[in-house]
PDB file of N, CA and C in Angstrom:
ATOM      1  N   UNK A   1     163.002 -71.571 223.583  1.00  0.00           N
ATOM      2  CA  UNK A   1     163.367 -72.967 223.771  1.00  0.00           C
ATOM      3  C   UNK A   1     164.728 -73.169 223.114  1.00  0.00           C
ATOM      4  N   UNK A   2     165.625 -73.761 223.865  1.00  0.00           N
ATOM      5  CA  UNK A   2     166.957 -74.005 223.319  1.00  0.00           C
ATOM      6  C   UNK A   2     166.901 -75.111 222.263  1.00  0.00           C
ATOM      7  N   UNK A   3     167.917 -75.156 221.434  1.00  0.00           N
ATOM      8  CA  UNK A   3     167.992 -76.170 220.389  1.00  0.00           C
ATOM      9  C   UNK A   3     168.039 -77.566 220.987  1.00  0.00           C
ATOM     10  N   UNK A   4     168.805 -77.724 222.092  1.00  0.00           N
ATOM     11  CA  UNK A   4     168.893 -79.024 222.756  1.00  0.00           C
ATOM     12  C   UNK A   4     167.543 -79.457 223.310  1.00  0.00           C
ATOM     13  N   UNK A   5     166.864 -78.518 223.973  1.00  0.00           N
ATOM     14  CA  UNK A   5     165.547 -78.824 224.539  1.00  0.00           C
ATOM     15  C   UNK A   5     164.568 -79.203 223.434  1.00  0.00           C
ATOM     16  N   UNK A   6     164.573 -78.456 222.352  1.00  0.00           N
ATOM     17  CA  UNK A   6     163.674 -78.738 221.230  1.00  0.00           C
ATOM     18  C   UNK A   6     163.949 -80.124 220.655  1.00  0.00           C
ATOM     19  N   UNK A   7     165.211 -80.443 220.508  1.00  0.00           N
ATOM     20  CA  UNK A   7     165.572 -81.757 219.975  1.00  0.00           C
ATOM     21  C   UNK A   7     165.125 -82.893 220.870  1.00  0.00           C
ATOM     22  N   UNK A   8     165.328 -82.723 222.172  1.00  0.00           N
ATOM     23  CA  UNK A   8     164.896 -83.763 223.125  1.00  0.00           C
ATOM     24  C   UNK A   8     163.383 -83.941 223.082  1.00  0.00           C
ATOM     25  N   UNK A   9     162.659 -82.842 223.096  1.00  0.00           N
ATOM     26  CA  UNK A   9     161.199 -82.931 223.063  1.00  0.00           C
ATOM     27  C   UNK A   9     160.712 -83.508 221.735  1.00  0.00           C
ATOM     28  N   UNK A  10     161.317 -83.097 220.648  1.00  0.00           N
ATOM     29  CA  UNK A  10     160.930 -83.640 219.344  1.00  0.00           C
ATOM     30  C   UNK A  10     161.131 -85.148 219.322  1.00  0.00           C
ATOM     31  N   UNK A  11     162.234 -85.590 219.874  1.00  0.00           N
ATOM     32  CA  UNK A  11     162.510 -87.040 219.932  1.00  0.00           C
ATOM     33  C   UNK A  11     161.466 -87.743 220.802  1.00  0.00           C
ATOM     34  N   UNK A  12     161.107 -87.137 221.915  1.00  0.00           N
ATOM     35  CA  UNK A  12     160.123 -87.748 222.823  1.00  0.00           C
ATOM     36  C   UNK A  12     158.721 -87.759 222.219  1.00  0.00           C
ATOM     37  N   UNK A  13     158.452 -86.873 221.280  1.00  0.00           N
ATOM     38  CA  UNK A  13     157.151 -86.854 220.595  1.00  0.00           C
ATOM     39  C   UNK A  13     157.033 -87.991 219.585  1.00  0.00           C
ATOM     40  N   UNK A  14     158.154 -88.585 219.240  1.00  0.00           N
ATOM     41  CA  UNK A  14     158.127 -89.715 218.305  1.00  0.00           C
ATOM     42  C   UNK A  14     157.620 -90.940 219.039  1.00  0.00           C
ATOM     43  N   UNK A  15     156.544 -91.472 218.554  1.00  0.00           N
ATOM     44  CA  UNK A  15     155.891 -92.592 219.232  1.00  0.00           C
ATOM     45  C   UNK A  15     155.823 -93.785 218.290  1.00  0.00           C
ATOM     46  N   UNK A  16     155.112 -94.813 218.722  1.00  0.00           N
ATOM     47  CA  UNK A  16     154.940 -96.005 217.899  1.00  0.00           C
ATOM     48  C   UNK A  16     153.881 -95.842 216.827  1.00  0.00           C
ATOM     49  N   UNK A  17     153.148 -94.749 216.865  1.00  0.00           N
ATOM     50  CA  UNK A  17     152.092 -94.488 215.878  1.00  0.00           C
ATOM     51  C   UNK A  17     152.348 -93.153 215.195  1.00  0.00           C
ATOM     52  N   UNK A  18     152.259 -93.145 213.896  1.00  0.00           N
ATOM     53  CA  UNK A  18     152.461 -91.902 213.152  1.00  0.00           C
ATOM     54  C   UNK A  18     151.456 -90.837 213.582  1.00  0.00           C
ATOM     55  N   UNK A  19     150.233 -91.243 213.863  1.00  0.00           N
ATOM     56  CA  UNK A  19     149.197 -90.291 214.264  1.00  0.00           C
ATOM     57  C   UNK A  19     149.570 -89.578 215.562  1.00  0.00           C
ATOM     58  N   UNK A  20     150.113 -90.323 216.525  1.00  0.00           N
ATOM     59  CA  UNK A  20     150.559 -89.706 217.773  1.00  0.00           C
ATOM     60  C   UNK A  20     151.731 -88.765 217.504  1.00  0.00           C
ATOM     61  N   UNK A  21     152.656 -89.196 216.661  1.00  0.00           N
ATOM     62  CA  UNK A  21     153.787 -88.337 216.293  1.00  0.00           C
ATOM     63  C   UNK A  21     153.284 -86.994 215.776  1.00  0.00           C
ATOM     64  N   UNK A  22     152.307 -87.045 214.893  1.00  0.00           N
ATOM     65  CA  UNK A  22     151.789 -85.834 214.274  1.00  0.00           C
ATOM     66  C   UNK A  22     151.070 -84.947 215.278  1.00  0.00           C
ATOM     67  N   UNK A  23     150.234 -85.544 216.121  1.00  0.00           N
ATOM     68  CA  UNK A  23     149.473 -84.758 217.087  1.00  0.00           C
ATOM     69  C   UNK A  23     150.376 -84.099 218.127  1.00  0.00           C
ATOM     70  N   UNK A  24     151.280 -84.875 218.685  1.00  0.00           N
ATOM     71  CA  UNK A  24     152.181 -84.331 219.697  1.00  0.00           C
ATOM     72  C   UNK A  24     153.172 -83.348 219.075  1.00  0.00           C
ATOM     73  N   UNK A  25     153.639 -83.665 217.880  1.00  0.00           N
ATOM     74  CA  UNK A  25     154.542 -82.762 217.174  1.00  0.00           C
ATOM     75  C   UNK A  25     153.868 -81.440 216.835  1.00  0.00           C
ATOM     76  N   UNK A  26     152.580 -81.498 216.492  1.00  0.00           N
ATOM     77  CA  UNK A  26     151.823 -80.273 216.209  1.00  0.00           C
ATOM     78  C   UNK A  26     151.847 -79.355 217.427  1.00  0.00           C
ATOM     79  N   UNK A  27     151.581 -79.917 218.602  1.00  0.00           N
ATOM     80  CA  UNK A  27     151.577 -79.100 219.817  1.00  0.00           C
ATOM     81  C   UNK A  27     152.964 -78.499 220.048  1.00  0.00           C
ATOM     82  N   UNK A  28     153.976 -79.322 219.921  1.00  0.00           N
ATOM     83  CA  UNK A  28     155.345 -78.840 220.142  1.00  0.00           C
ATOM     84  C   UNK A  28     155.689 -77.703 219.183  1.00  0.00           C
ATOM     85  N   UNK A  29     155.353 -77.865 217.930  1.00  0.00           N
ATOM     86  CA  UNK A  29     155.730 -76.876 216.917  1.00  0.00           C
ATOM     87  C   UNK A  29     154.880 -75.615 216.952  1.00  0.00           C
ATOM     88  N   UNK A  30     153.608 -75.727 217.315  1.00  0.00           N
ATOM     89  CA  UNK A  30     152.730 -74.566 217.191  1.00  0.00           C
ATOM     90  C   UNK A  30     152.363 -73.904 218.507  1.00  0.00           C
ATOM     91  N   UNK A  31     152.416 -74.625 219.607  1.00  0.00           N
ATOM     92  CA  UNK A  31     151.933 -74.077 220.871  1.00  0.00           C
ATOM     93  C   UNK A  31     152.978 -73.988 221.974  1.00  0.00           C
ATOM     94  N   UNK A  32     153.896 -74.926 222.008  1.00  0.00           N
ATOM     95  CA  UNK A  32     154.806 -75.081 223.143  1.00  0.00           C
ATOM     96  C   UNK A  32     155.554 -73.796 223.488  1.00  0.00           C
ATOM     97  N   UNK A  33     156.064 -73.104 222.514  1.00  0.00           N
ATOM     98  CA  UNK A  33     156.875 -71.912 222.799  1.00  0.00           C
ATOM     99  C   UNK A  33     156.060 -70.771 223.403  1.00  0.00           C
ATOM    100  N   UNK A  34     154.742 -70.824 223.303  1.00  0.00           N
ATOM    101  CA  UNK A  34     153.888 -69.745 223.808  1.00  0.00           C
ATOM    102  C   UNK A  34     153.231 -70.043 225.152  1.00  0.00           C
ATOM    103  N   UNK A  35     153.501 -71.198 225.741  1.00  0.00           N
ATOM    104  CA  UNK A  35     152.859 -71.552 227.012  1.00  0.00           C
ATOM    105  C   UNK A  35     153.795 -71.255 228.182  1.00  0.00           C
ATOM    106  N   UNK A  36     153.216 -71.200 229.382  1.00  0.00           N
ATOM    107  CA  UNK A  36     154.027 -70.915 230.573  1.00  0.00           C
ATOM    108  C   UNK A  36     154.806 -72.159 231.007  1.00  0.00           C
ATOM    109  N   UNK A  37     155.681 -71.975 231.980  1.00  0.00           N
ATOM    110  CA  UNK A  37     156.543 -73.081 232.434  1.00  0.00           C
ATOM    111  C   UNK A  37     155.753 -74.252 232.983  1.00  0.00           C
ATOM    112  N   UNK A  38     154.639 -73.994 233.661  1.00  0.00           N
ATOM    113  CA  UNK A  38     153.818 -75.088 234.201  1.00  0.00           C
ATOM    114  C   UNK A  38     153.288 -75.958 233.067  1.00  0.00           C
ATOM    115  N   UNK A  39     152.850 -75.342 231.982  1.00  0.00           N
ATOM    116  CA  UNK A  39     152.339 -76.102 230.837  1.00  0.00           C
ATOM    117  C   UNK A  39     153.471 -76.856 230.138  1.00  0.00           C
ATOM    118  N   UNK A  40     154.661 -76.266 230.103  1.00  0.00           N
ATOM    119  CA  UNK A  40     155.811 -76.960 229.506  1.00  0.00           C
ATOM    120  C   UNK A  40     156.166 -78.206 230.309  1.00  0.00           C
ATOM    121  N   UNK A  41     156.135 -78.083 231.619  1.00  0.00           N
ATOM    122  CA  UNK A  41     156.400 -79.246 232.481  1.00  0.00           C
ATOM    123  C   UNK A  41     155.304 -80.287 232.297  1.00  0.00           C
ATOM    124  N   UNK A  42     154.063 -79.832 232.216  1.00  0.00           N
ATOM    125  CA  UNK A  42     152.936 -80.758 232.018  1.00  0.00           C
ATOM    126  C   UNK A  42     153.088 -81.509 230.704  1.00  0.00           C
ATOM    127  N   UNK A  43     153.499 -80.817 229.639  1.00  0.00           N
ATOM    128  CA  UNK A  43     153.693 -81.481 228.350  1.00  0.00           C
ATOM    129  C   UNK A  43     154.794 -82.524 228.455  1.00  0.00           C
ATOM    130  N   UNK A  44     155.862 -82.188 229.141  1.00  0.00           N
ATOM    131  CA  UNK A  44     156.958 -83.130 229.309  1.00  0.00           C
ATOM    132  C   UNK A  44     156.506 -84.380 230.058  1.00  0.00           C
ATOM    133  N   UNK A  45     155.721 -84.205 231.103  1.00  0.00           N
ATOM    134  CA  UNK A  45     155.243 -85.375 231.849  1.00  0.00           C
ATOM    135  C   UNK A  45     154.172 -86.131 231.069  1.00  0.00           C
ATOM    136  N   UNK A  46     153.413 -85.416 230.245  1.00  0.00           N
ATOM    137  CA  UNK A  46     152.437 -86.082 229.382  1.00  0.00           C
ATOM    138  C   UNK A  46     153.153 -87.043 228.434  1.00  0.00           C
ATOM    139  N   UNK A  47     154.319 -86.642 227.956  1.00  0.00           N
ATOM    140  CA  UNK A  47     155.090 -87.488 227.039  1.00  0.00           C
ATOM    141  C   UNK A  47     155.623 -88.750 227.709  1.00  0.00           C
ATOM    142  N   UNK A  48     155.592 -88.804 229.036  1.00  0.00           N
ATOM    143  CA  UNK A  48     156.023 -90.005 229.760  1.00  0.00           C
ATOM    144  C   UNK A  48     154.932 -91.079 229.793  1.00  0.00           C
ATOM    145  N   UNK A  49     153.734 -90.739 229.363  1.00  0.00           N
ATOM    146  CA  UNK A  49     152.616 -91.671 229.447  1.00  0.00           C
ATOM    147  C   UNK A  49     152.664 -92.688 228.305  1.00  0.00           C
ATOM    148  N   UNK A  50     151.968 -93.780 228.506  1.00  0.00           N
ATOM    149  CA  UNK A  50     151.954 -94.872 227.533  1.00  0.00           C
ATOM    150  C   UNK A  50     151.159 -94.482 226.281  1.00  0.00           C
ATOM    151  N   UNK A  51     151.592 -94.989 225.130  1.00  0.00           N
ATOM    152  CA  UNK A  51     150.920 -94.675 223.874  1.00  0.00           C
ATOM    153  C   UNK A  51     149.420 -94.985 223.882  1.00  0.00           C
ATOM    154  N   UNK A  52     148.980 -96.137 224.399  1.00  0.00           N
ATOM    155  CA  UNK A  52     147.534 -96.394 224.385  1.00  0.00           C
ATOM    156  C   UNK A  52     146.737 -95.344 225.165  1.00  0.00           C
ATOM    157  N   UNK A  53     147.282 -94.889 226.293  1.00  0.00           N
ATOM    158  CA  UNK A  53     146.598 -93.843 227.059  1.00  0.00           C
ATOM    159  C   UNK A  53     146.551 -92.548 226.259  1.00  0.00           C
ATOM    160  N   UNK A  54     147.680 -92.157 225.698  1.00  0.00           N
ATOM    161  CA  UNK A  54     147.733 -90.935 224.892  1.00  0.00           C
ATOM    162  C   UNK A  54     146.740 -91.008 223.740  1.00  0.00           C
ATOM    163  N   UNK A  55     146.713 -92.134 223.058  1.00  0.00           N
ATOM    164  CA  UNK A  55     145.832 -92.300 221.910  1.00  0.00           C
ATOM    165  C   UNK A  55     144.357 -92.186 222.330  1.00  0.00           C
ATOM    166  N   UNK A  56     144.006 -92.830 223.427  1.00  0.00           N
ATOM    167  CA  UNK A  56     142.621 -92.749 223.905  1.00  0.00           C
ATOM    168  C   UNK A  56     142.255 -91.321 224.311  1.00  0.00           C
ATOM    169  N   UNK A  57     143.157 -90.630 224.954  1.00  0.00           N
ATOM    170  CA  UNK A  57     142.887 -89.245 225.347  1.00  0.00           C
ATOM    171  C   UNK A  57     142.735 -88.350 224.125  1.00  0.00           C
ATOM    172  N   UNK A  58     143.637 -88.483 223.176  1.00  0.00           N
ATOM    173  CA  UNK A  58     143.619 -87.614 222.007  1.00  0.00           C
ATOM    174  C   UNK A  58     142.475 -87.929 221.051  1.00  0.00           C
ATOM    175  N   UNK A  59     141.921 -89.126 221.151  1.00  0.00           N
ATOM    176  CA  UNK A  59     140.752 -89.500 220.352  1.00  0.00           C
ATOM    177  C   UNK A  59     139.442 -89.238 221.075  1.00  0.00           C
ATOM    178  N   UNK A  60     139.519 -88.828 222.327  1.00  0.00           N
ATOM    179  CA  UNK A  60     138.311 -88.550 223.085  1.00  0.00           C
ATOM    180  C   UNK A  60     137.642 -89.776 223.677  1.00  0.00           C
ATOM    181  N   UNK A  61     138.321 -90.903 223.655  1.00  0.00           N
ATOM    182  CA  UNK A  61     137.757 -92.126 224.241  1.00  0.00           C
ATOM    183  C   UNK A  61     137.802 -92.098 225.760  1.00  0.00           C
ATOM    184  N   UNK A  62     138.748 -91.348 226.293  1.00  0.00           N
ATOM    185  CA  UNK A  62     138.855 -91.148 227.730  1.00  0.00           C
ATOM    186  C   UNK A  62     139.503 -89.791 227.964  1.00  0.00           C
ATOM    187  N   UNK A  63     139.596 -89.417 229.230  1.00  0.00           N
ATOM    188  CA  UNK A  63     140.122 -88.105 229.591  1.00  0.00           C
ATOM    189  C   UNK A  63     141.180 -88.279 230.667  1.00  0.00           C
ATOM    190  N   UNK A  64     142.309 -87.602 230.531  1.00  0.00           N
ATOM    191  CA  UNK A  64     143.318 -87.711 231.590  1.00  0.00           C
ATOM    192  C   UNK A  64     142.814 -87.071 232.883  1.00  0.00           C
ATOM    193  N   UNK A  65     143.166 -87.670 234.005  1.00  0.00           N
ATOM    194  CA  UNK A  65     142.753 -87.127 235.294  1.00  0.00           C
ATOM    195  C   UNK A  65     143.499 -85.841 235.627  1.00  0.00           C
ATOM    196  N   UNK A  66     144.739 -85.731 235.203  1.00  0.00           N
ATOM    197  CA  UNK A  66     145.545 -84.548 235.474  1.00  0.00           C
ATOM    198  C   UNK A  66     144.962 -83.356 234.690  1.00  0.00           C
ATOM    199  N   UNK A  67     144.533 -82.306 235.388  1.00  0.00           N
ATOM    200  CA  UNK A  67     143.905 -81.172 234.693  1.00  0.00           C
ATOM    201  C   UNK A  67     144.844 -80.453 233.720  1.00  0.00           C
ATOM    202  N   UNK A  68     146.146 -80.441 234.010  1.00  0.00           N
ATOM    203  CA  UNK A  68     147.087 -79.803 233.077  1.00  0.00           C
ATOM    204  C   UNK A  68     147.210 -80.615 231.797  1.00  0.00           C
ATOM    205  N   UNK A  69     147.232 -81.931 231.913  1.00  0.00           N
ATOM    206  CA  UNK A  69     147.262 -82.778 230.725  1.00  0.00           C
ATOM    207  C   UNK A  69     145.972 -82.611 229.943  1.00  0.00           C
ATOM    208  N   UNK A  70     144.853 -82.535 230.677  1.00  0.00           N
ATOM    209  CA  UNK A  70     143.554 -82.387 230.035  1.00  0.00           C
ATOM    210  C   UNK A  70     143.524 -81.121 229.180  1.00  0.00           C
ATOM    211  N   UNK A  71     144.103 -80.051 229.683  1.00  0.00           N
ATOM    212  CA  UNK A  71     144.133 -78.795 228.935  1.00  0.00           C
ATOM    213  C   UNK A  71     144.932 -78.958 227.632  1.00  0.00           C
ATOM    214  N   UNK A  72     146.062 -79.615 227.706  1.00  0.00           N
ATOM    215  CA  UNK A  72     146.882 -79.859 226.517  1.00  0.00           C
ATOM    216  C   UNK A  72     146.145 -80.758 225.533  1.00  0.00           C
ATOM    217  N   UNK A  73     145.576 -81.840 226.048  1.00  0.00           N
ATOM    218  CA  UNK A  73     144.825 -82.771 225.205  1.00  0.00           C
ATOM    219  C   UNK A  73     143.668 -82.050 224.517  1.00  0.00           C
ATOM    220  N   UNK A  74     142.940 -81.231 225.263  1.00  0.00           N
ATOM    221  CA  UNK A  74     141.822 -80.487 224.672  1.00  0.00           C
ATOM    222  C   UNK A  74     142.305 -79.549 223.575  1.00  0.00           C
ATOM    223  N   UNK A  75     143.434 -78.915 223.795  1.00  0.00           N
ATOM    224  CA  UNK A  75     143.971 -78.010 222.780  1.00  0.00           C
ATOM    225  C   UNK A  75     144.375 -78.776 221.525  1.00  0.00           C
ATOM    226  N   UNK A  76     145.006 -79.916 221.695  1.00  0.00           N
ATOM    227  CA  UNK A  76     145.391 -80.732 220.540  1.00  0.00           C
ATOM    228  C   UNK A  76     144.143 -81.213 219.807  1.00  0.00           C
ATOM    229  N   UNK A  77     143.154 -81.662 220.552  1.00  0.00           N
ATOM    230  CA  UNK A  77     141.918 -82.162 219.932  1.00  0.00           C
ATOM    231  C   UNK A  77     141.172 -81.065 219.186  1.00  0.00           C
ATOM    232  N   UNK A  78     141.306 -79.828 219.629  1.00  0.00           N
ATOM    233  CA  UNK A  78     140.556 -78.731 219.000  1.00  0.00           C
ATOM    234  C   UNK A  78     141.324 -78.090 217.848  1.00  0.00           C
ATOM    235  N   UNK A  79     142.497 -78.574 217.531  1.00  0.00           N
ATOM    236  CA  UNK A  79     143.361 -77.939 216.537  1.00  0.00           C
ATOM    237  C   UNK A  79     142.677 -77.770 215.185  1.00  0.00           C
ATOM    238  N   UNK A  80     141.797 -78.672 214.802  1.00  0.00           N
ATOM    239  CA  UNK A  80     141.146 -78.587 213.499  1.00  0.00           C
ATOM    240  C   UNK A  80     139.926 -77.677 213.520  1.00  0.00           C
ATOM    241  N   UNK A  81     139.505 -77.271 214.705  1.00  0.00           N
ATOM    242  CA  UNK A  81     138.319 -76.443 214.823  1.00  0.00           C
ATOM    243  C   UNK A  81     138.643 -74.957 214.872  1.00  0.00           C
ATOM    244  N   UNK A  82     139.913 -74.616 214.844  1.00  0.00           N
ATOM    245  CA  UNK A  82     140.309 -73.207 214.956  1.00  0.00           C
ATOM    246  C   UNK A  82     140.152 -72.506 213.627  1.00  0.00           C
TER     247      UNK A  82
END
């Protein structure tokens, strides 16, 4: 990942809630560089979603319909179980 790309994604991970910042930032820092291009695109489009939707998905209150987003959300949600 280029420095410019990392900076843009890091900025996009900054949300209105510190908890979202931490969860999305965790994925970017620990998983993003090891996933394929399809997952990288999915993460980028996931970041376009509204904070309330992201928060509900990451808390397990609802599930994203997009299967690629669901995979990312599941990975973020399982981070403490590894």
